[in-house]
Amino acid sequence: AQGCHYAFTALVDAGAMAYGNPHNETI
């Protein structure tokens, strides 16, 4: 809302991603 165009999500852990940690859905 203040002009930011380029942004990143919070980081995700590769292991948590590979093993299906449900918290990654909100991240």
PDB file of all heavy atoms in Angstrom:
ATOM      1  N   ALA A   1       0.823  -1.216   0.000  1.00  0.00           N
ATOM      2  CA  ALA A   1       0.000   0.000   0.000  1.00  0.00           C
ATOM      3  C   ALA A   1       0.853   1.259   0.000  1.00  0.00           C
ATOM      4  O   ALA A   1       0.376   2.340  -0.378  1.00  0.00           O
ATOM      5  CB  ALA A   1      -0.932  -0.001   1.209  1.00  0.00           C
ATOM      6  N   GLN A   2       2.116   1.136   0.407  1.00  0.00           N
ATOM      7  CA  GLN A   2       3.023   2.290   0.431  1.00  0.00           C
ATOM      8  C   GLN A   2       3.996   2.289  -0.743  1.00  0.00           C
ATOM      9  O   GLN A   2       4.975   3.027  -0.748  1.00  0.00           O
ATOM     10  CB  GLN A   2       3.795   2.310   1.761  1.00  0.00           C
ATOM     11  CG  GLN A   2       2.910   2.296   2.991  1.00  0.00           C
ATOM     12  CD  GLN A   2       1.864   3.397   2.968  1.00  0.00           C
ATOM     13  OE1 GLN A   2       2.143   4.526   2.555  1.00  0.00           O
ATOM     14  NE2 GLN A   2       0.658   3.084   3.439  1.00  0.00           N
ATOM     15  N   GLY A   3       3.739   1.441  -1.737  1.00  0.00           N
ATOM     16  CA  GLY A   3       4.537   1.486  -2.959  1.00  0.00           C
ATOM     17  C   GLY A   3       5.457   0.311  -3.189  1.00  0.00           C
ATOM     18  O   GLY A   3       6.131   0.257  -4.233  1.00  0.00           O
ATOM     19  N   CYS A   4       5.534  -0.628  -2.258  1.00  0.00           N
ATOM     20  CA  CYS A   4       6.419  -1.786  -2.434  1.00  0.00           C
ATOM     21  C   CYS A   4       5.929  -2.644  -3.599  1.00  0.00           C
ATOM     22  O   CYS A   4       4.787  -3.116  -3.598  1.00  0.00           O
ATOM     23  CB  CYS A   4       6.464  -2.600  -1.147  1.00  0.00           C
ATOM     24  SG  CYS A   4       7.382  -4.148  -1.305  1.00  0.00           S
ATOM     25  N   HIS A   5       6.778  -2.881  -4.572  1.00  0.00           N
ATOM     26  CA  HIS A   5       6.432  -3.715  -5.731  1.00  0.00           C
ATOM     27  C   HIS A   5       7.117  -5.078  -5.657  1.00  0.00           C
ATOM     28  O   HIS A   5       6.510  -6.099  -5.965  1.00  0.00           O
ATOM     29  CB  HIS A   5       6.837  -3.010  -7.020  1.00  0.00           C
ATOM     30  CG  HIS A   5       6.483  -3.763  -8.265  1.00  0.00           C
ATOM     31  ND1 HIS A   5       5.234  -3.694  -8.854  1.00  0.00           N
ATOM     32  CD2 HIS A   5       7.213  -4.624  -9.042  1.00  0.00           C
ATOM     33  CE1 HIS A   5       5.199  -4.463  -9.927  1.00  0.00           C
ATOM     34  NE2 HIS A   5       6.388  -5.039 -10.071  1.00  0.00           N
ATOM     35  N   TYR A   6       8.393  -5.080  -5.226  1.00  0.00           N
ATOM     36  CA  TYR A   6       9.187  -6.291  -5.192  1.00  0.00           C
ATOM     37  C   TYR A   6       9.279  -6.808  -3.755  1.00  0.00           C
ATOM     38  O   TYR A   6       9.822  -6.128  -2.877  1.00  0.00           O
ATOM     39  CB  TYR A   6      10.593  -6.022  -5.733  1.00  0.00           C
ATOM     40  CG  TYR A   6      10.586  -5.458  -7.132  1.00  0.00           C
ATOM     41  CD1 TYR A   6      10.703  -4.076  -7.344  1.00  0.00           C
ATOM     42  CD2 TYR A   6      10.437  -6.287  -8.235  1.00  0.00           C
ATOM     43  CE1 TYR A   6      10.686  -3.558  -8.632  1.00  0.00           C
ATOM     44  CE2 TYR A   6      10.419  -5.768  -9.527  1.00  0.00           C
ATOM     45  CZ  TYR A   6      10.542  -4.400  -9.718  1.00  0.00           C
ATOM     46  OH  TYR A   6      10.513  -3.890 -10.988  1.00  0.00           O
ATOM     47  N   ALA A   7       8.743  -7.997  -3.516  1.00  0.00           N
ATOM     48  CA  ALA A   7       8.693  -8.521  -2.154  1.00  0.00           C
ATOM     49  C   ALA A   7       8.932 -10.021  -2.148  1.00  0.00           C
ATOM     50  O   ALA A   7       8.743 -10.708  -3.156  1.00  0.00           O
ATOM     51  CB  ALA A   7       7.343  -8.199  -1.511  1.00  0.00           C
ATOM     52  N   PHE A   8       9.321 -10.524  -0.975  1.00  0.00           N
ATOM     53  CA  PHE A   8       9.540 -11.947  -0.766  1.00  0.00           C
ATOM     54  C   PHE A   8       8.664 -12.457   0.369  1.00  0.00           C
ATOM     55  O   PHE A   8       8.353 -11.723   1.310  1.00  0.00           O
ATOM     56  CB  PHE A   8      11.009 -12.227  -0.410  1.00  0.00           C
ATOM     57  CG  PHE A   8      11.950 -12.164  -1.578  1.00  0.00           C
ATOM     58  CD1 PHE A   8      12.462 -10.943  -2.008  1.00  0.00           C
ATOM     59  CD2 PHE A   8      12.336 -13.313  -2.242  1.00  0.00           C
ATOM     60  CE1 PHE A   8      13.337 -10.872  -3.082  1.00  0.00           C
ATOM     61  CE2 PHE A   8      13.213 -13.256  -3.323  1.00  0.00           C
ATOM     62  CZ  PHE A   8      13.705 -12.033  -3.740  1.00  0.00           C
ATOM     63  N   THR A   9       8.292 -13.735   0.280  1.00  0.00           N
ATOM     64  CA  THR A   9       7.685 -14.393   1.428  1.00  0.00           C
ATOM     65  C   THR A   9       8.768 -14.559   2.496  1.00  0.00           C
ATOM     66  O   THR A   9       9.954 -14.323   2.248  1.00  0.00           O
ATOM     67  CB  THR A   9       7.161 -15.792   1.059  1.00  0.00           C
ATOM     68  OG1 THR A   9       8.284 -16.679   0.849  1.00  0.00           O
ATOM     69  CG2 THR A   9       6.298 -15.767  -0.193  1.00  0.00           C
ATOM     70  N   ALA A  10       8.360 -14.995   3.683  1.00  0.00           N
ATOM     71  CA  ALA A  10       9.353 -15.439   4.655  1.00  0.00           C
ATOM     72  C   ALA A  10      10.040 -16.679   4.103  1.00  0.00           C
ATOM     73  O   ALA A  10       9.531 -17.356   3.209  1.00  0.00           O
ATOM     74  CB  ALA A  10       8.676 -15.747   5.984  1.00  0.00           C
ATOM     75  N   LEU A  11      11.228 -16.996   4.627  1.00  0.00           N
ATOM     76  CA  LEU A  11      11.952 -18.147   4.114  1.00  0.00           C
ATOM     77  C   LEU A  11      11.251 -19.451   4.488  1.00  0.00           C
ATOM     78  O   LEU A  11      10.540 -19.541   5.491  1.00  0.00           O
ATOM     79  CB  LEU A  11      13.399 -18.144   4.594  1.00  0.00           C
ATOM     80  CG  LEU A  11      13.692 -18.224   6.093  1.00  0.00           C
ATOM     81  CD1 LEU A  11      13.693 -19.664   6.583  1.00  0.00           C
ATOM     82  CD2 LEU A  11      15.042 -17.579   6.394  1.00  0.00           C
ATOM     83  N   VAL A  12      11.440 -20.466   3.650  1.00  0.00           N
ATOM     84  CA  VAL A  12      10.915 -21.804   3.926  1.00  0.00           C
ATOM     85  C   VAL A  12      12.083 -22.774   3.995  1.00  0.00           C
ATOM     86  O   VAL A  12      13.050 -22.668   3.231  1.00  0.00           O
ATOM     87  CB  VAL A  12       9.897 -22.268   2.859  1.00  0.00           C
ATOM     88  CG1 VAL A  12       8.614 -21.475   2.970  1.00  0.00           C
ATOM     89  CG2 VAL A  12      10.466 -22.160   1.453  1.00  0.00           C
ATOM     90  N   ASP A  13      11.994 -23.701   4.922  1.00  0.00           N
ATOM     91  CA  ASP A  13      13.035 -24.706   5.093  1.00  0.00           C
ATOM     92  C   ASP A  13      12.835 -25.826   4.078  1.00  0.00           C
ATOM     93  O   ASP A  13      11.728 -26.344   3.912  1.00  0.00           O
ATOM     94  CB  ASP A  13      12.988 -25.253   6.515  1.00  0.00           C
ATOM     95  CG  ASP A  13      14.052 -26.294   6.758  1.00  0.00           C
ATOM     96  OD1 ASP A  13      15.188 -25.920   7.093  1.00  0.00           O
ATOM     97  OD2 ASP A  13      13.745 -27.494   6.598  1.00  0.00           O
ATOM     98  N   ALA A  14      13.914 -26.225   3.399  1.00  0.00           N
ATOM     99  CA  ALA A  14      13.807 -27.251   2.367  1.00  0.00           C
ATOM    100  C   ALA A  14      13.304 -28.571   2.936  1.00  0.00           C
ATOM    101  O   ALA A  14      12.478 -29.261   2.316  1.00  0.00           O
ATOM    102  CB  ALA A  14      15.160 -27.444   1.686  1.00  0.00           C
ATOM    103  N   GLY A  15      13.780 -28.945   4.121  1.00  0.00           N
ATOM    104  CA  GLY A  15      13.326 -30.180   4.733  1.00  0.00           C
ATOM    105  C   GLY A  15      11.853 -30.134   5.081  1.00  0.00           C
ATOM    106  O   GLY A  15      11.102 -31.078   4.814  1.00  0.00           O
ATOM    107  N   ALA A  16      11.423 -29.019   5.679  1.00  0.00           N
ATOM    108  CA  ALA A  16      10.006 -28.865   6.028  1.00  0.00           C
ATOM    109  C   ALA A  16       9.141 -28.873   4.781  1.00  0.00           C
ATOM    110  O   ALA A  16       8.027 -29.408   4.778  1.00  0.00           O
ATOM    111  CB  ALA A  16       9.804 -27.566   6.815  1.00  0.00           C
ATOM    112  N   MET A  17       9.662 -28.299   3.700  1.00  0.00           N
ATOM    113  CA  MET A  17       8.928 -28.284   2.441  1.00  0.00           C
ATOM    114  C   MET A  17       8.831 -29.694   1.864  1.00  0.00           C
ATOM    115  O   MET A  17       7.764 -30.161   1.451  1.00  0.00           O
ATOM    116  CB  MET A  17       9.656 -27.361   1.454  1.00  0.00           C
ATOM    117  CG  MET A  17       8.902 -27.091   0.174  1.00  0.00           C
ATOM    118  SD  MET A  17       7.576 -25.908   0.432  1.00  0.00           S
ATOM    119  CE  MET A  17       6.729 -26.058  -1.142  1.00  0.00           C
ATOM    120  N   ALA A  18       9.944 -30.406   1.878  1.00  0.00           N
ATOM    121  CA  ALA A  18       9.976 -31.746   1.290  1.00  0.00           C
ATOM    122  C   ALA A  18       9.083 -32.720   2.041  1.00  0.00           C
ATOM    123  O   ALA A  18       8.491 -33.627   1.442  1.00  0.00           O
ATOM    124  CB  ALA A  18      11.417 -32.260   1.270  1.00  0.00           C
ATOM    125  N   TYR A  19       8.980 -32.539   3.363  1.00  0.00           N
ATOM    126  CA  TYR A  19       8.194 -33.468   4.176  1.00  0.00           C
ATOM    127  C   TYR A  19       6.790 -32.966   4.474  1.00  0.00           C
ATOM    128  O   TYR A  19       6.083 -33.528   5.307  1.00  0.00           O
ATOM    129  CB  TYR A  19       8.946 -33.788   5.466  1.00  0.00           C
ATOM    130  CG  TYR A  19      10.197 -34.606   5.219  1.00  0.00           C
ATOM    131  CD1 TYR A  19      11.458 -34.056   5.442  1.00  0.00           C
ATOM    132  CD2 TYR A  19      10.111 -35.898   4.728  1.00  0.00           C
ATOM    133  CE1 TYR A  19      12.607 -34.792   5.193  1.00  0.00           C
ATOM    134  CE2 TYR A  19      11.255 -36.655   4.475  1.00  0.00           C
ATOM    135  CZ  TYR A  19      12.505 -36.095   4.720  1.00  0.00           C
ATOM    136  OH  TYR A  19      13.641 -36.830   4.464  1.00  0.00           O
ATOM    137  N   GLY A  20       6.365 -31.908   3.795  1.00  0.00           N
ATOM    138  CA  GLY A  20       4.969 -31.498   3.849  1.00  0.00           C
ATOM    139  C   GLY A  20       4.528 -30.791   5.112  1.00  0.00           C
ATOM    140  O   GLY A  20       3.368 -30.951   5.527  1.00  0.00           O
ATOM    141  N   ASN A  21       5.396 -30.002   5.720  1.00  0.00           N
ATOM    142  CA  ASN A  21       4.986 -29.227   6.893  1.00  0.00           C
ATOM    143  C   ASN A  21       3.829 -28.297   6.515  1.00  0.00           C
ATOM    144  O   ASN A  21       3.956 -27.468   5.613  1.00  0.00           O
ATOM    145  CB  ASN A  21       6.168 -28.401   7.406  1.00  0.00           C
ATOM    146  CG  ASN A  21       5.884 -27.728   8.732  1.00  0.00           C
ATOM    147  OD1 ASN A  21       4.795 -27.210   8.954  1.00  0.00           O
ATOM    148  ND2 ASN A  21       6.861 -27.719   9.618  1.00  0.00           N
ATOM    149  N   PRO A  22       2.666 -28.411   7.205  1.00  0.00           N
ATOM    150  CA  PRO A  22       1.488 -27.621   6.808  1.00  0.00           C
ATOM    151  C   PRO A  22       1.662 -26.117   7.001  1.00  0.00           C
ATOM    152  O   PRO A  22       0.942 -25.328   6.382  1.00  0.00           O
ATOM    153  CB  PRO A  22       0.374 -28.173   7.712  1.00  0.00           C
ATOM    154  CG  PRO A  22       1.086 -28.779   8.883  1.00  0.00           C
ATOM    155  CD  PRO A  22       2.376 -29.321   8.328  1.00  0.00           C
ATOM    156  N   HIS A  23       2.613 -25.703   7.849  1.00  0.00           N
ATOM    157  CA  HIS A  23       2.826 -24.267   8.068  1.00  0.00           C
ATOM    158  C   HIS A  23       3.300 -23.563   6.797  1.00  0.00           C
ATOM    159  O   HIS A  23       3.153 -22.341   6.660  1.00  0.00           O
ATOM    160  CB  HIS A  23       3.834 -24.040   9.203  1.00  0.00           C
ATOM    161  CG  HIS A  23       3.347 -24.478  10.543  1.00  0.00           C
ATOM    162  ND1 HIS A  23       2.218 -23.945  11.128  1.00  0.00           N
ATOM    163  CD2 HIS A  23       3.824 -25.398  11.408  1.00  0.00           C
ATOM    164  CE1 HIS A  23       2.025 -24.511  12.304  1.00  0.00           C
ATOM    165  NE2 HIS A  23       2.983 -25.409  12.497  1.00  0.00           N
ATOM    166  N   ASN A  24       3.886 -24.324   5.893  1.00  0.00           N
ATOM    167  CA  ASN A  24       4.361 -23.708   4.647  1.00  0.00           C
ATOM    168  C   ASN A  24       3.226 -23.121   3.821  1.00  0.00           C
ATOM    169  O   ASN A  24       3.444 -22.210   3.022  1.00  0.00           O
ATOM    170  CB  ASN A  24       5.131 -24.734   3.814  1.00  0.00           C
ATOM    171  CG  ASN A  24       6.470 -25.073   4.428  1.00  0.00           C
ATOM    172  OD1 ASN A  24       7.108 -24.227   5.044  1.00  0.00           O
ATOM    173  ND2 ASN A  24       6.899 -26.317   4.270  1.00  0.00           N
ATOM    174  N   GLU A  25       2.025 -23.641   3.990  1.00  0.00           N
ATOM    175  CA  GLU A  25       0.890 -23.121   3.232  1.00  0.00           C
ATOM    176  C   GLU A  25       0.647 -21.645   3.540  1.00  0.00           C
ATOM    177  O   GLU A  25       0.348 -20.855   2.646  1.00  0.00           O
ATOM    178  CB  GLU A  25      -0.366 -23.945   3.509  1.00  0.00           C
ATOM    179  CG  GLU A  25      -0.339 -25.332   2.898  1.00  0.00           C
ATOM    180  CD  GLU A  25      -0.171 -25.299   1.387  1.00  0.00           C
ATOM    181  OE1 GLU A  25      -0.837 -24.484   0.716  1.00  0.00           O
ATOM    182  OE2 GLU A  25       0.645 -26.094   0.868  1.00  0.00           O
ATOM    183  N   THR A  26       0.744 -21.267   4.816  1.00  0.00           N
ATOM    184  CA  THR A  26       0.542 -19.856   5.168  1.00  0.00           C
ATOM    185  C   THR A  26       1.773 -19.024   4.814  1.00  0.00           C
ATOM    186  O   THR A  26       1.647 -17.875   4.392  1.00  0.00           O
ATOM    187  CB  THR A  26       0.214 -19.697   6.660  1.00  0.00           C
ATOM    188  OG1 THR A  26       1.182 -20.392   7.447  1.00  0.00           O
ATOM    189  CG2 THR A  26      -1.163 -20.240   6.981  1.00  0.00           C
ATOM    190  N   ILE A  27       2.963 -19.599   4.955  1.00  0.00           N
ATOM    191  CA  ILE A  27       4.178 -18.866   4.595  1.00  0.00           C
ATOM    192  C   ILE A  27       4.169 -18.506   3.115  1.00  0.00           C
ATOM    193  O   ILE A  27       4.524 -17.393   2.722  1.00  0.00           O
ATOM    194  CB  ILE A  27       5.439 -19.696   4.923  1.00  0.00           C
ATOM    195  CG1 ILE A  27       5.588 -19.858   6.435  1.00  0.00           C
ATOM    196  CG2 ILE A  27       6.690 -19.028   4.338  1.00  0.00           C
ATOM    197  CD1 ILE A  27       6.739 -20.777   6.832  1.00  0.00           C
TER     198      ILE A  27
END
